[in-house]
Amino acid sequence: MLSIFFLPLPDALVRYLPGERVSYQTEFDYTFPGPSRGKSGRCEMGLKIKDKSLKRWIVVCSSRAWLDAHFQRGMDRINVVEKVNRYGVQLESYQLDWSPIGMRSRTGISYPNDVY
């Protein structure tokens, strides 16, 4: 009975203990169908984020409706905000975005030192 109480302990250590807030821009990809949700099937879509803190790809459940609402043609980066402490990483938010080079080509602004 006591062991059941301690099952979510690692989750709580990351969530409630102080940690450093980290934000960065990284790569993303999406897959159809998404990751498994156990006996209830699969997510409609999986959003793969290259996590710089963990140094590996993580997959978040999402949907085609979310992708339609947040993705525009040419978006090739994702802004990620995480809470990091010695026990793990908690993903706080993420937002799709253009990389700096993609932004320049989208706005039509040309800089003299750009190399294409």
N, C-alpha and C. Protein backbone atom coordinates (compact mmCIF):
# COMPACT_ATOMS: atom_id res chain seq x y z
N MET A 1 0.82 -1.19 0.00
CA MET A 1 0.00 0.00 0.00
C MET A 1 0.87 1.26 0.00
N LEU A 2 1.95 1.23 0.73
CA LEU A 2 2.83 2.38 0.82
C LEU A 2 3.53 2.66 -0.51
N SER A 3 3.82 1.63 -1.28
CA SER A 3 4.50 1.82 -2.56
C SER A 3 3.62 2.55 -3.57
N ILE A 4 2.32 2.41 -3.50
CA ILE A 4 1.42 3.11 -4.41
C ILE A 4 1.51 4.62 -4.19
N PHE A 5 1.73 5.05 -2.98
CA PHE A 5 1.86 6.47 -2.68
C PHE A 5 3.09 7.08 -3.35
N PHE A 6 4.15 6.33 -3.50
CA PHE A 6 5.40 6.86 -4.03
C PHE A 6 5.53 6.75 -5.55
N LEU A 7 4.57 6.17 -6.24
CA LEU A 7 4.67 6.03 -7.69
C LEU A 7 4.80 7.38 -8.40
N PRO A 8 4.00 8.40 -8.11
CA PRO A 8 4.15 9.67 -8.82
C PRO A 8 5.23 10.59 -8.24
N LEU A 9 6.06 10.10 -7.35
CA LEU A 9 7.07 10.94 -6.70
C LEU A 9 8.03 11.61 -7.68
N PRO A 10 8.61 10.92 -8.68
CA PRO A 10 9.51 11.62 -9.60
C PRO A 10 8.83 12.78 -10.33
N ASP A 11 7.57 12.58 -10.70
CA ASP A 11 6.80 13.65 -11.34
C ASP A 11 6.67 14.85 -10.42
N ALA A 12 6.37 14.61 -9.17
CA ALA A 12 6.21 15.69 -8.19
C ALA A 12 7.53 16.40 -7.92
N LEU A 13 8.63 15.67 -7.91
CA LEU A 13 9.93 16.30 -7.67
C LEU A 13 10.26 17.31 -8.75
N VAL A 14 9.95 17.00 -9.99
CA VAL A 14 10.21 17.93 -11.09
C VAL A 14 9.24 19.10 -11.02
N ARG A 15 7.99 18.82 -10.72
CA ARG A 15 6.96 19.86 -10.75
C ARG A 15 7.08 20.86 -9.60
N TYR A 16 7.34 20.38 -8.38
CA TYR A 16 7.22 21.26 -7.21
C TYR A 16 8.54 21.76 -6.64
N LEU A 17 9.65 21.14 -6.97
CA LEU A 17 10.93 21.65 -6.47
C LEU A 17 11.44 22.75 -7.39
N PRO A 18 12.21 23.70 -6.84
CA PRO A 18 12.69 24.80 -7.66
C PRO A 18 13.61 24.30 -8.77
N GLY A 19 13.58 24.99 -9.88
CA GLY A 19 14.41 24.63 -11.02
C GLY A 19 14.65 25.84 -11.89
N GLU A 20 15.45 25.66 -12.88
CA GLU A 20 15.80 26.74 -13.80
C GLU A 20 14.82 26.72 -14.97
N ARG A 21 14.38 27.89 -15.37
CA ARG A 21 13.50 28.01 -16.53
C ARG A 21 14.36 28.23 -17.77
N VAL A 22 14.23 27.37 -18.75
CA VAL A 22 15.06 27.40 -19.95
C VAL A 22 14.16 27.59 -21.16
N SER A 23 14.55 28.49 -22.06
CA SER A 23 13.81 28.64 -23.32
C SER A 23 14.80 28.58 -24.47
N TYR A 24 14.39 27.95 -25.55
CA TYR A 24 15.26 27.81 -26.71
C TYR A 24 14.41 27.52 -27.94
N GLN A 25 15.06 27.61 -29.10
CA GLN A 25 14.41 27.30 -30.36
C GLN A 25 15.04 26.03 -30.91
N THR A 26 14.23 25.10 -31.37
CA THR A 26 14.75 23.81 -31.82
C THR A 26 13.93 23.27 -32.99
N GLU A 27 14.30 22.08 -33.45
CA GLU A 27 13.62 21.42 -34.56
C GLU A 27 12.35 20.71 -34.07
N PHE A 28 11.43 20.49 -35.00
CA PHE A 28 10.24 19.70 -34.69
C PHE A 28 9.82 18.90 -35.92
N ASP A 29 8.99 17.93 -35.70
CA ASP A 29 8.41 17.13 -36.77
C ASP A 29 7.07 16.62 -36.25
N TYR A 30 6.20 16.20 -37.14
CA TYR A 30 4.94 15.63 -36.69
C TYR A 30 4.70 14.31 -37.41
N THR A 31 4.00 13.42 -36.73
CA THR A 31 3.74 12.09 -37.27
C THR A 31 2.26 11.77 -37.16
N PHE A 32 1.76 11.02 -38.13
CA PHE A 32 0.39 10.52 -38.11
C PHE A 32 0.45 9.01 -38.23
N PRO A 33 -0.11 8.21 -37.40
CA PRO A 33 -0.77 8.58 -36.15
C PRO A 33 0.26 8.91 -35.08
N GLY A 34 -0.21 9.40 -33.96
CA GLY A 34 0.66 9.77 -32.85
C GLY A 34 1.05 8.59 -32.00
N PRO A 35 1.65 8.86 -30.84
CA PRO A 35 2.10 7.78 -29.96
C PRO A 35 0.92 7.03 -29.33
N SER A 36 1.21 5.86 -28.83
CA SER A 36 0.20 5.02 -28.20
C SER A 36 -0.27 5.62 -26.88
N ARG A 37 -1.56 5.47 -26.59
CA ARG A 37 -2.11 5.88 -25.30
C ARG A 37 -2.55 4.67 -24.49
N GLY A 38 -1.89 3.56 -24.70
CA GLY A 38 -2.24 2.35 -23.97
C GLY A 38 -3.41 1.64 -24.61
N LYS A 39 -4.33 1.16 -23.79
CA LYS A 39 -5.48 0.40 -24.28
C LYS A 39 -6.47 1.26 -25.05
N SER A 40 -6.42 2.58 -24.86
CA SER A 40 -7.40 3.45 -25.51
C SER A 40 -7.01 3.84 -26.93
N GLY A 41 -5.95 3.27 -27.47
CA GLY A 41 -5.58 3.55 -28.86
C GLY A 41 -4.39 4.48 -28.98
N ARG A 42 -4.43 5.29 -30.03
CA ARG A 42 -3.32 6.19 -30.32
C ARG A 42 -3.82 7.63 -30.37
N CYS A 43 -2.88 8.57 -30.19
CA CYS A 43 -3.20 9.98 -30.40
C CYS A 43 -3.40 10.20 -31.89
N GLU A 44 -4.17 11.22 -32.24
CA GLU A 44 -4.40 11.52 -33.64
C GLU A 44 -3.09 11.93 -34.33
N MET A 45 -2.28 12.73 -33.63
CA MET A 45 -1.03 13.22 -34.19
C MET A 45 0.03 13.26 -33.10
N GLY A 46 1.27 13.03 -33.46
CA GLY A 46 2.38 13.16 -32.52
C GLY A 46 3.26 14.32 -32.93
N LEU A 47 3.57 15.21 -32.00
CA LEU A 47 4.47 16.33 -32.25
C LEU A 47 5.82 15.96 -31.64
N LYS A 48 6.83 15.76 -32.50
CA LYS A 48 8.16 15.38 -32.04
C LYS A 48 9.00 16.65 -31.87
N ILE A 49 9.57 16.83 -30.69
CA ILE A 49 10.38 18.00 -30.37
C ILE A 49 11.78 17.53 -30.00
N LYS A 50 12.81 18.14 -30.59
CA LYS A 50 14.19 17.79 -30.26
C LYS A 50 14.56 18.54 -28.99
N ASP A 51 14.53 17.85 -27.86
CA ASP A 51 14.76 18.46 -26.55
C ASP A 51 16.25 18.64 -26.31
N LYS A 52 16.68 19.89 -26.06
CA LYS A 52 18.10 20.18 -25.85
C LYS A 52 18.54 19.82 -24.44
N SER A 53 17.64 19.83 -23.48
CA SER A 53 18.00 19.48 -22.10
C SER A 53 18.23 17.98 -21.96
N LEU A 54 17.36 17.18 -22.58
CA LEU A 54 17.47 15.73 -22.51
C LEU A 54 18.36 15.15 -23.60
N LYS A 55 18.65 15.97 -24.62
CA LYS A 55 19.47 15.56 -25.77
C LYS A 55 18.85 14.37 -26.52
N ARG A 56 17.53 14.43 -26.70
CA ARG A 56 16.83 13.40 -27.47
C ARG A 56 15.48 13.95 -27.93
N TRP A 57 14.83 13.22 -28.82
CA TRP A 57 13.51 13.61 -29.30
C TRP A 57 12.45 13.17 -28.29
N ILE A 58 11.48 14.06 -28.01
CA ILE A 58 10.33 13.70 -27.19
C ILE A 58 9.08 13.82 -28.06
N VAL A 59 8.05 13.06 -27.74
CA VAL A 59 6.82 13.07 -28.53
C VAL A 59 5.66 13.49 -27.64
N VAL A 60 4.89 14.48 -28.10
CA VAL A 60 3.75 15.01 -27.38
C VAL A 60 2.49 14.69 -28.18
N CYS A 61 1.44 14.22 -27.51
CA CYS A 61 0.16 13.97 -28.18
C CYS A 61 -0.45 15.29 -28.64
N SER A 62 -0.99 15.29 -29.84
CA SER A 62 -1.64 16.48 -30.36
C SER A 62 -2.73 16.05 -31.34
N SER A 63 -3.25 17.01 -32.09
CA SER A 63 -4.32 16.69 -33.04
C SER A 63 -4.15 17.49 -34.32
N ARG A 64 -4.83 17.04 -35.35
CA ARG A 64 -4.78 17.75 -36.63
C ARG A 64 -5.38 19.15 -36.50
N ALA A 65 -6.39 19.32 -35.66
CA ALA A 65 -7.01 20.63 -35.44
C ALA A 65 -6.00 21.60 -34.83
N TRP A 66 -5.18 21.12 -33.87
CA TRP A 66 -4.15 21.98 -33.27
C TRP A 66 -3.14 22.39 -34.34
N LEU A 67 -2.72 21.45 -35.18
CA LEU A 67 -1.75 21.76 -36.23
C LEU A 67 -2.33 22.78 -37.21
N ASP A 68 -3.58 22.62 -37.60
CA ASP A 68 -4.22 23.57 -38.52
C ASP A 68 -4.30 24.97 -37.92
N ALA A 69 -4.51 25.06 -36.61
CA ALA A 69 -4.64 26.36 -35.94
C ALA A 69 -3.30 27.05 -35.71
N HIS A 70 -2.21 26.28 -35.56
CA HIS A 70 -0.93 26.87 -35.16
C HIS A 70 0.17 26.82 -36.22
N PHE A 71 -0.02 26.08 -37.28
CA PHE A 71 1.04 25.91 -38.28
C PHE A 71 0.71 26.71 -39.53
N GLN A 72 1.73 27.45 -40.01
CA GLN A 72 1.62 28.15 -41.28
C GLN A 72 2.76 27.69 -42.16
N ARG A 73 2.58 27.79 -43.44
CA ARG A 73 3.59 27.33 -44.39
C ARG A 73 4.93 28.01 -44.12
N GLY A 74 5.98 27.22 -44.09
CA GLY A 74 7.32 27.76 -43.89
C GLY A 74 7.82 27.70 -42.45
N MET A 75 6.96 27.40 -41.51
CA MET A 75 7.40 27.29 -40.11
C MET A 75 8.30 26.06 -39.98
N ASP A 76 9.51 26.28 -39.48
CA ASP A 76 10.46 25.18 -39.40
C ASP A 76 11.16 25.07 -38.05
N ARG A 77 10.72 25.84 -37.07
CA ARG A 77 11.30 25.80 -35.73
C ARG A 77 10.18 25.84 -34.70
N ILE A 78 10.52 25.48 -33.47
CA ILE A 78 9.56 25.54 -32.38
C ILE A 78 10.24 26.19 -31.18
N ASN A 79 9.58 27.17 -30.57
CA ASN A 79 10.09 27.80 -29.35
C ASN A 79 9.58 26.99 -28.16
N VAL A 80 10.50 26.57 -27.30
CA VAL A 80 10.17 25.69 -26.18
C VAL A 80 10.56 26.38 -24.88
N VAL A 81 9.70 26.29 -23.86
CA VAL A 81 10.01 26.75 -22.51
C VAL A 81 9.87 25.55 -21.58
N GLU A 82 10.94 25.27 -20.82
CA GLU A 82 10.97 24.12 -19.92
C GLU A 82 11.42 24.52 -18.53
N LYS A 83 11.00 23.74 -17.57
CA LYS A 83 11.53 23.85 -16.21
C LYS A 83 12.47 22.68 -16.03
N VAL A 84 13.73 22.97 -15.67
CA VAL A 84 14.75 21.93 -15.55
C VAL A 84 15.30 21.94 -14.13
N ASN A 85 15.32 20.78 -13.48
CA ASN A 85 16.03 20.64 -12.22
C ASN A 85 16.76 19.31 -12.23
N ARG A 86 17.41 18.95 -11.16
CA ARG A 86 18.25 17.75 -11.17
C ARG A 86 17.45 16.46 -11.27
N TYR A 87 16.14 16.52 -11.09
CA TYR A 87 15.31 15.32 -11.16
C TYR A 87 14.66 15.11 -12.52
N GLY A 88 14.69 16.11 -13.38
CA GLY A 88 14.09 15.94 -14.69
C GLY A 88 13.72 17.25 -15.36
N VAL A 89 12.89 17.14 -16.37
CA VAL A 89 12.47 18.28 -17.20
C VAL A 89 10.95 18.27 -17.31
N GLN A 90 10.34 19.46 -17.16
CA GLN A 90 8.90 19.60 -17.37
C GLN A 90 8.68 20.59 -18.50
N LEU A 91 8.00 20.16 -19.54
CA LEU A 91 7.68 21.01 -20.68
C LEU A 91 6.57 21.97 -20.27
N GLU A 92 6.86 23.28 -20.28
CA GLU A 92 5.85 24.26 -19.87
C GLU A 92 5.04 24.79 -21.04
N SER A 93 5.71 25.14 -22.14
CA SER A 93 4.98 25.63 -23.30
C SER A 93 5.82 25.45 -24.56
N TYR A 94 5.15 25.49 -25.70
CA TYR A 94 5.84 25.43 -26.98
C TYR A 94 4.99 26.16 -28.01
N GLN A 95 5.68 26.77 -28.98
CA GLN A 95 4.99 27.56 -30.00
C GLN A 95 5.76 27.43 -31.31
N LEU A 96 5.08 27.12 -32.39
CA LEU A 96 5.72 27.00 -33.69
C LEU A 96 6.15 28.37 -34.19
N ASP A 97 7.28 28.42 -34.91
CA ASP A 97 7.83 29.70 -35.35
C ASP A 97 8.69 29.50 -36.59
N TRP A 98 9.07 30.60 -37.22
CA TRP A 98 9.98 30.57 -38.34
C TRP A 98 11.40 30.72 -37.83
N SER A 99 12.36 30.09 -38.48
CA SER A 99 13.77 30.32 -38.14
C SER A 99 14.14 31.70 -38.68
N PRO A 100 15.24 32.31 -38.21
CA PRO A 100 15.60 33.65 -38.69
C PRO A 100 15.75 33.73 -40.20
N ILE A 101 16.33 32.74 -40.84
CA ILE A 101 16.48 32.76 -42.29
C ILE A 101 15.12 32.63 -42.96
N GLY A 102 14.27 31.77 -42.46
CA GLY A 102 12.92 31.62 -43.00
C GLY A 102 12.11 32.90 -42.84
N MET A 103 12.31 33.63 -41.73
CA MET A 103 11.60 34.88 -41.50
C MET A 103 12.02 35.93 -42.53
N ARG A 104 13.31 35.99 -42.85
CA ARG A 104 13.78 36.97 -43.83
C ARG A 104 13.18 36.69 -45.21
N SER A 105 13.15 35.45 -45.61
CA SER A 105 12.61 35.14 -46.93
C SER A 105 11.10 35.36 -46.96
N ARG A 106 10.42 35.16 -45.82
CA ARG A 106 8.98 35.34 -45.77
C ARG A 106 8.60 36.81 -45.84
N THR A 107 9.41 37.69 -45.20
CA THR A 107 9.09 39.11 -45.18
C THR A 107 9.66 39.85 -46.38
N GLY A 108 10.58 39.21 -47.11
CA GLY A 108 11.16 39.85 -48.27
C GLY A 108 12.29 40.81 -47.92
N ILE A 109 12.69 40.88 -46.66
CA ILE A 109 13.77 41.77 -46.25
C ILE A 109 15.10 41.11 -46.59
N SER A 110 15.98 41.85 -47.23
CA SER A 110 17.28 41.31 -47.60
C SER A 110 18.36 42.06 -46.83
N TYR A 111 19.30 41.33 -46.32
CA TYR A 111 20.42 41.93 -45.60
C TYR A 111 21.68 41.76 -46.43
N PRO A 112 22.59 42.76 -46.43
CA PRO A 112 23.75 42.72 -47.32
C PRO A 112 24.70 41.55 -47.04
N ASN A 113 24.77 41.04 -45.82
CA ASN A 113 25.71 39.98 -45.50
C ASN A 113 25.11 38.59 -45.60
N ASP A 114 23.88 38.49 -46.09
CA ASP A 114 23.25 37.18 -46.22
C ASP A 114 23.92 36.36 -47.32
N VAL A 115 24.15 35.11 -47.04
CA VAL A 115 24.71 34.19 -48.03
C VAL A 115 23.68 33.09 -48.25
N TYR A 116 23.28 32.92 -49.48
CA TYR A 116 22.28 31.90 -49.79
C TYR A 116 22.88 30.78 -50.59
